[in-house]
Amino acid sequence: MKKKPTPCPCGRPATFDACCGPVLAGERSADTPETLMRSRYTAFTRGDATYLLASWHPDTRPDSLSLNDEPPMRWLGLTIASAPPTDGDVGTVTFIARYRSGGRAGQIRERSRFRRQNGRWFYVDGEFQDD
């Protein structure tokens, strides 16, 4: 029996295997800050701390990352609020990530900064935005 394709958590109208899957597996690099943001959101939904650390810029990357929140977070959806064209090797993406934790719904709104180094995009840091 054929396995039903899994939609990509990042919100694009594609399957995980055709969208963020190859980026998380290292088969393809994110070609824009938005693509990297979407792949990082997908990594959060899948508990992939290894990818999250690898896609974090070395200048700002933490030594470790724990995704064992208590109560656990269940990611519900991602909305890209803005992803302006990049300015050379820097870019920004403002996003809203919705989640449920401990029976309560919430959201994170962040303006993330990205930098391209040696042809590869990395997450640098982010600033939480007021709703």
Protein backbone atom coordinates (compact mmCIF):
# COMPACT_ATOMS: atom_id res chain seq x y z
CA MET A 1 0.00 0.00 0.00
CA LYS A 2 1.35 3.41 -0.99
CA LYS A 3 2.10 5.83 1.85
CA LYS A 4 0.04 9.02 1.79
CA PRO A 5 2.24 12.10 1.11
CA THR A 6 2.84 14.23 4.19
CA PRO A 7 2.14 17.97 3.77
CA CYS A 8 5.08 20.20 4.64
CA PRO A 9 4.63 21.87 8.05
CA CYS A 10 6.06 25.14 6.66
CA GLY A 11 2.75 26.00 4.99
CA ARG A 12 3.81 25.84 1.36
CA PRO A 13 1.49 23.80 -0.87
CA ALA A 14 3.95 20.94 -1.25
CA THR A 15 4.77 17.68 0.44
CA PHE A 16 7.49 17.50 3.07
CA ASP A 17 9.58 15.34 0.70
CA ALA A 18 9.38 17.98 -2.05
CA CYS A 19 9.75 21.05 0.19
CA CYS A 20 11.69 21.20 3.46
CA GLY A 21 12.65 17.51 3.64
CA PRO A 22 15.67 17.78 1.29
CA VAL A 23 16.87 20.94 3.10
CA LEU A 24 16.70 19.27 6.52
CA ALA A 25 18.47 16.19 5.12
CA GLY A 26 21.30 18.32 3.70
CA GLU A 27 20.47 17.32 0.13
CA ARG A 28 19.72 20.92 -0.83
CA SER A 29 20.59 24.30 0.69
CA ALA A 30 18.04 26.99 1.44
CA ASP A 31 18.32 29.49 -1.42
CA THR A 32 16.69 32.42 0.40
CA PRO A 33 16.20 33.58 3.99
CA GLU A 34 12.50 32.71 3.69
CA THR A 35 13.30 29.15 2.64
CA LEU A 36 15.70 28.84 5.58
CA MET A 37 13.06 30.26 7.95
CA ARG A 38 10.50 27.75 6.68
CA SER A 39 12.95 24.87 7.04
CA ARG A 40 13.82 25.96 10.59
CA TYR A 41 10.13 26.10 11.53
CA THR A 42 9.74 22.60 10.08
CA ALA A 43 12.76 21.46 12.13
CA PHE A 44 11.05 22.78 15.28
CA THR A 45 7.89 20.81 14.44
CA ARG A 46 9.99 17.66 14.01
CA GLY A 47 12.25 18.20 17.04
CA ASP A 48 15.37 18.39 14.84
CA ALA A 49 17.82 20.28 17.08
CA THR A 50 20.77 19.09 14.97
CA TYR A 51 19.47 20.94 11.89
CA LEU A 52 18.56 24.02 13.92
CA LEU A 53 22.09 24.29 15.29
CA ALA A 54 23.68 23.61 11.90
CA SER A 55 21.59 26.36 10.26
CA TRP A 56 22.48 28.90 13.00
CA HIS A 57 25.29 31.33 12.19
CA PRO A 58 28.51 30.31 14.00
CA ASP A 59 28.87 33.81 15.53
CA THR A 60 25.54 33.54 17.39
CA ARG A 61 24.95 29.76 17.64
CA PRO A 62 24.40 28.43 21.16
CA ASP A 63 26.48 25.47 22.34
CA SER A 64 23.37 23.32 22.65
CA LEU A 65 19.64 23.47 22.11
CA SER A 66 16.96 21.60 24.02
CA LEU A 67 13.53 21.13 22.48
CA ASN A 68 12.14 19.29 25.49
CA ASP A 69 9.69 21.96 26.64
CA GLU A 70 7.38 21.14 29.53
CA PRO A 71 4.59 21.15 28.77
CA PRO A 72 5.51 20.19 25.19
CA MET A 73 4.80 22.63 22.38
CA ARG A 74 2.73 21.51 19.42
CA TRP A 75 3.37 23.74 16.43
CA LEU A 76 0.17 24.63 14.56
CA GLY A 77 1.21 26.80 11.63
CA LEU A 78 3.55 29.35 10.15
CA THR A 79 2.69 32.63 8.45
CA ILE A 80 5.34 34.72 6.72
CA ALA A 81 4.39 38.35 7.38
CA SER A 82 7.23 39.79 5.29
CA ALA A 83 10.30 38.55 3.47
CA PRO A 84 11.77 41.52 1.61
CA PRO A 85 14.36 40.95 -1.12
CA THR A 86 17.82 40.35 0.30
CA ASP A 87 20.41 43.09 0.43
CA GLY A 88 23.50 41.25 -0.77
CA ASP A 89 24.36 38.71 1.88
CA VAL A 90 21.86 39.83 4.53
CA GLY A 91 18.13 39.34 4.78
CA THR A 92 15.20 39.45 7.16
CA VAL A 93 11.98 37.51 7.56
CA THR A 94 9.11 38.46 9.85
CA PHE A 95 6.95 35.49 10.75
CA ILE A 96 4.18 34.34 13.05
CA ALA A 97 4.42 30.80 14.42
CA ARG A 98 1.33 29.45 16.16
CA TYR A 99 1.53 26.77 18.84
CA ARG A 100 -0.37 25.01 21.62
CA SER A 101 1.24 24.22 24.96
CA GLY A 102 -0.38 23.03 28.16
CA GLY A 103 -3.85 23.41 26.64
CA ARG A 104 -3.22 27.05 25.72
CA ALA A 105 -2.79 28.54 22.28
CA GLY A 106 -0.09 31.08 21.63
CA GLN A 107 2.02 32.62 18.93
CA ILE A 108 5.50 33.93 18.39
CA ARG A 109 5.99 36.93 16.13
CA GLU A 110 9.63 37.51 15.30
CA ARG A 111 11.74 39.49 12.87
CA SER A 112 14.65 37.18 12.11
CA ARG A 113 17.98 38.20 10.60
CA PHE A 114 19.92 36.00 8.19
CA ARG A 115 23.40 36.15 6.69
CA ARG A 116 24.85 34.34 3.71
CA GLN A 117 28.34 33.00 4.26
CA ASN A 118 30.26 31.00 1.66
CA GLY A 119 27.09 30.81 -0.43
CA ARG A 120 24.95 29.38 2.39
CA TRP A 121 22.24 31.16 4.40
CA PHE A 122 22.33 31.06 8.20
CA TYR A 123 19.96 32.29 10.92
CA VAL A 124 21.71 35.04 12.91
CA ASP A 125 19.18 36.15 15.53
CA GLY A 126 15.68 37.41 15.99
CA GLU A 127 13.72 40.15 17.67
CA PHE A 128 10.27 39.44 19.07
CA GLN A 129 7.59 41.77 17.68
CA ASP A 130 4.55 43.08 19.50
CA ASP A 131 1.22 41.87 18.20
